[in-house]
């Protein structure tokens, strides 16, 4: 599954406020959560766009996306 259009979200984790982050159309998603597989969640699994689109904050953003994730709403999801 992947995003069917760009998804813009105000991304804030703990004391880090990244502002508006855009997850590009076509980004791969997963149902995998910390507790296992859950079809109610659509977490971003492909982070290849981060370094290109957010080079100044890429390392911090990659860390937070890896450990906290972004749950994409169902209306932005294309089930292949």
N, C-alpha and C. Protein backbone atom coordinates (compact mmCIF):
# COMPACT_ATOMS: atom_id res chain seq x y z
N UNK A 1 0.85 -1.17 0.00
CA UNK A 1 0.00 0.00 0.00
C UNK A 1 0.89 1.22 0.00
N UNK A 2 0.34 2.32 -0.50
CA UNK A 2 1.11 3.56 -0.61
C UNK A 2 0.18 4.76 -0.55
N UNK A 3 0.75 5.96 -0.43
CA UNK A 3 -0.06 7.17 -0.41
C UNK A 3 -0.58 7.45 -1.82
N UNK A 4 -1.83 7.89 -1.92
CA UNK A 4 -2.43 8.17 -3.22
C UNK A 4 -2.33 9.63 -3.62
N UNK A 5 -1.82 10.46 -2.73
CA UNK A 5 -1.57 11.88 -2.98
C UNK A 5 -0.63 12.38 -1.89
N UNK A 6 -0.09 13.58 -2.07
CA UNK A 6 0.75 14.16 -1.03
C UNK A 6 -0.08 14.32 0.25
N UNK A 7 0.53 13.99 1.38
CA UNK A 7 -0.14 14.13 2.66
C UNK A 7 0.65 15.12 3.50
N UNK A 8 0.02 16.24 3.85
CA UNK A 8 0.67 17.27 4.66
C UNK A 8 0.17 17.16 6.09
N UNK A 9 1.12 17.19 7.02
CA UNK A 9 0.78 17.05 8.44
C UNK A 9 1.71 17.94 9.27
N UNK A 10 1.16 18.55 10.32
CA UNK A 10 2.00 19.28 11.27
C UNK A 10 2.60 18.22 12.19
N UNK A 11 3.90 17.99 12.07
CA UNK A 11 4.57 16.91 12.77
C UNK A 11 5.32 17.43 13.99
N UNK A 12 4.87 17.01 15.16
CA UNK A 12 5.48 17.40 16.43
C UNK A 12 5.65 16.16 17.29
N UNK A 13 6.86 15.96 17.80
CA UNK A 13 7.16 14.84 18.67
C UNK A 13 7.89 15.39 19.89
N UNK A 14 7.31 15.20 21.05
CA UNK A 14 7.88 15.69 22.31
C UNK A 14 8.21 17.18 22.17
N UNK A 15 9.49 17.55 22.29
CA UNK A 15 9.88 18.96 22.21
C UNK A 15 10.30 19.38 20.81
N UNK A 16 10.22 18.49 19.85
CA UNK A 16 10.62 18.79 18.47
C UNK A 16 9.39 19.09 17.63
N UNK A 17 9.29 20.34 17.16
CA UNK A 17 8.19 20.74 16.29
C UNK A 17 8.77 20.97 14.90
N UNK A 18 8.47 20.06 13.97
CA UNK A 18 9.02 20.13 12.63
C UNK A 18 8.18 20.99 11.69
N UNK A 19 7.05 21.45 12.14
CA UNK A 19 6.17 22.23 11.29
C UNK A 19 5.43 21.31 10.33
N UNK A 20 5.09 21.84 9.17
CA UNK A 20 4.36 21.07 8.17
C UNK A 20 5.33 20.16 7.41
N UNK A 21 5.06 18.86 7.45
CA UNK A 21 5.85 17.85 6.73
C UNK A 21 4.95 17.29 5.63
N UNK A 22 5.50 17.14 4.44
CA UNK A 22 4.75 16.56 3.33
C UNK A 22 5.28 15.16 3.02
N UNK A 23 4.41 14.18 3.17
CA UNK A 23 4.73 12.80 2.78
C UNK A 23 4.33 12.70 1.30
N UNK A 24 5.27 12.48 0.41
CA UNK A 24 4.98 12.50 -1.03
C UNK A 24 4.06 11.37 -1.49
N UNK A 25 3.32 11.66 -2.55
CA UNK A 25 2.48 10.65 -3.20
C UNK A 25 3.36 9.46 -3.60
N UNK A 26 2.85 8.25 -3.38
CA UNK A 26 3.58 7.04 -3.74
C UNK A 26 4.46 6.48 -2.65
N UNK A 27 4.48 7.12 -1.47
CA UNK A 27 5.30 6.64 -0.36
C UNK A 27 4.71 5.35 0.20
N UNK A 28 5.55 4.34 0.39
CA UNK A 28 5.10 3.03 0.90
C UNK A 28 4.69 3.14 2.36
N UNK A 29 3.64 2.41 2.70
CA UNK A 29 3.09 2.40 4.05
C UNK A 29 3.05 0.97 4.59
N UNK A 30 2.87 0.85 5.90
CA UNK A 30 2.79 -0.46 6.53
C UNK A 30 1.74 -0.46 7.63
N UNK A 31 1.21 -1.63 7.92
CA UNK A 31 0.29 -1.81 9.05
C UNK A 31 1.05 -2.22 10.31
N UNK A 32 2.37 -2.33 10.22
CA UNK A 32 3.18 -2.80 11.34
C UNK A 32 3.24 -1.73 12.43
N UNK A 33 2.91 -2.12 13.66
CA UNK A 33 3.00 -1.23 14.81
C UNK A 33 3.95 -1.85 15.82
N UNK A 34 4.20 -1.17 16.92
CA UNK A 34 5.07 -1.71 17.96
C UNK A 34 4.46 -2.97 18.59
N UNK A 35 3.16 -3.09 18.51
CA UNK A 35 2.46 -4.23 19.11
C UNK A 35 2.12 -5.32 18.10
N UNK A 36 2.55 -5.14 16.85
CA UNK A 36 2.26 -6.13 15.81
C UNK A 36 1.51 -5.52 14.64
N UNK A 37 0.88 -6.36 13.86
CA UNK A 37 0.16 -5.96 12.64
C UNK A 37 -1.24 -5.47 13.02
N UNK A 38 -1.60 -4.23 12.59
CA UNK A 38 -2.91 -3.67 12.87
C UNK A 38 -3.39 -2.90 11.64
N UNK A 39 -4.44 -3.41 10.98
CA UNK A 39 -4.95 -2.82 9.74
C UNK A 39 -5.58 -1.44 9.94
N UNK A 40 -5.71 -0.97 11.16
CA UNK A 40 -6.26 0.36 11.42
C UNK A 40 -5.21 1.46 11.31
N UNK A 41 -3.94 1.06 11.18
CA UNK A 41 -2.85 2.03 11.08
C UNK A 41 -2.18 1.94 9.72
N UNK A 42 -1.71 3.08 9.25
CA UNK A 42 -1.03 3.18 7.95
C UNK A 42 0.24 4.02 8.16
N UNK A 43 1.25 3.40 8.75
CA UNK A 43 2.49 4.12 9.06
C UNK A 43 3.40 4.20 7.84
N UNK A 44 4.08 5.34 7.72
CA UNK A 44 5.06 5.53 6.66
C UNK A 44 6.21 4.56 6.89
N UNK A 45 6.55 3.76 5.87
CA UNK A 45 7.66 2.81 6.02
C UNK A 45 8.85 3.15 5.13
N UNK A 46 8.63 3.92 4.08
CA UNK A 46 9.70 4.33 3.17
C UNK A 46 10.10 5.76 3.51
N UNK A 47 11.30 5.93 4.00
CA UNK A 47 11.77 7.25 4.41
C UNK A 47 12.80 7.84 3.45
N UNK A 48 12.88 7.30 2.25
CA UNK A 48 13.88 7.75 1.28
C UNK A 48 13.71 9.22 0.88
N UNK A 49 12.56 9.77 1.01
CA UNK A 49 12.26 11.15 0.63
C UNK A 49 12.76 12.17 1.65
N UNK A 50 13.05 11.75 2.86
CA UNK A 50 13.40 12.69 3.94
C UNK A 50 14.69 13.44 3.65
N UNK A 51 15.76 12.75 3.31
CA UNK A 51 17.05 13.41 3.06
C UNK A 51 16.97 14.39 1.90
N UNK A 52 16.23 14.05 0.88
CA UNK A 52 16.09 14.92 -0.30
C UNK A 52 15.24 16.15 0.01
N UNK A 53 14.12 15.96 0.69
CA UNK A 53 13.17 17.05 0.91
C UNK A 53 13.44 17.89 2.15
N UNK A 54 14.15 17.31 3.12
CA UNK A 54 14.42 18.01 4.39
C UNK A 54 15.88 17.84 4.81
N UNK A 55 16.83 18.27 3.97
CA UNK A 55 18.25 18.00 4.25
C UNK A 55 18.78 18.60 5.55
N UNK A 56 18.28 19.75 5.97
CA UNK A 56 18.81 20.41 7.17
C UNK A 56 18.39 19.71 8.46
N UNK A 57 17.27 18.99 8.43
CA UNK A 57 16.77 18.33 9.63
C UNK A 57 16.64 16.82 9.44
N UNK A 58 17.24 16.31 8.39
CA UNK A 58 17.05 14.91 7.99
C UNK A 58 17.37 13.91 9.10
N UNK A 59 18.49 14.08 9.78
CA UNK A 59 18.89 13.09 10.81
C UNK A 59 17.90 13.04 11.97
N UNK A 60 17.51 14.20 12.48
CA UNK A 60 16.55 14.24 13.58
C UNK A 60 15.18 13.74 13.13
N UNK A 61 14.76 14.18 11.95
CA UNK A 61 13.45 13.78 11.44
C UNK A 61 13.41 12.28 11.17
N UNK A 62 14.46 11.73 10.60
CA UNK A 62 14.53 10.28 10.34
C UNK A 62 14.40 9.50 11.66
N UNK A 63 15.07 9.97 12.69
CA UNK A 63 15.00 9.31 14.00
C UNK A 63 13.56 9.30 14.50
N UNK A 64 12.92 10.47 14.51
CA UNK A 64 11.55 10.54 15.04
C UNK A 64 10.55 9.78 14.17
N UNK A 65 10.74 9.80 12.87
CA UNK A 65 9.85 9.03 12.01
C UNK A 65 10.03 7.52 12.22
N UNK A 66 11.25 7.11 12.47
CA UNK A 66 11.53 5.70 12.72
C UNK A 66 10.90 5.22 14.02
N UNK A 67 11.01 6.02 15.08
CA UNK A 67 10.56 5.58 16.40
C UNK A 67 9.15 6.03 16.78
N UNK A 68 8.62 7.08 16.13
CA UNK A 68 7.28 7.58 16.46
C UNK A 68 6.32 7.47 15.28
N UNK A 69 6.85 7.55 14.07
CA UNK A 69 6.06 7.36 12.86
C UNK A 69 5.08 8.47 12.54
N UNK A 70 4.48 8.33 11.36
CA UNK A 70 3.36 9.17 10.93
C UNK A 70 2.27 8.20 10.48
N UNK A 71 1.10 8.32 11.10
CA UNK A 71 -0.05 7.50 10.73
C UNK A 71 -0.85 8.27 9.69
N UNK A 72 -0.86 7.77 8.46
CA UNK A 72 -1.55 8.43 7.34
C UNK A 72 -3.03 8.05 7.36
N UNK A 73 -3.93 9.05 7.29
CA UNK A 73 -5.36 8.75 7.27
C UNK A 73 -5.76 7.88 6.07
N UNK A 74 -6.78 7.08 6.27
CA UNK A 74 -7.23 6.11 5.26
C UNK A 74 -7.55 6.74 3.91
N UNK A 75 -8.06 7.97 3.90
CA UNK A 75 -8.43 8.59 2.62
C UNK A 75 -7.21 8.92 1.75
N UNK A 76 -6.02 8.89 2.33
CA UNK A 76 -4.78 9.14 1.58
C UNK A 76 -4.07 7.85 1.19
N UNK A 77 -4.72 6.70 1.42
CA UNK A 77 -4.09 5.39 1.21
C UNK A 77 -4.64 4.70 -0.03
N UNK A 78 -3.73 4.19 -0.85
CA UNK A 78 -4.08 3.38 -2.02
C UNK A 78 -3.68 1.95 -1.71
N UNK A 79 -4.66 1.06 -1.60
CA UNK A 79 -4.40 -0.35 -1.35
C UNK A 79 -4.14 -1.02 -2.69
N UNK A 80 -2.95 -1.53 -2.90
CA UNK A 80 -2.58 -2.12 -4.18
C UNK A 80 -3.25 -3.44 -4.43
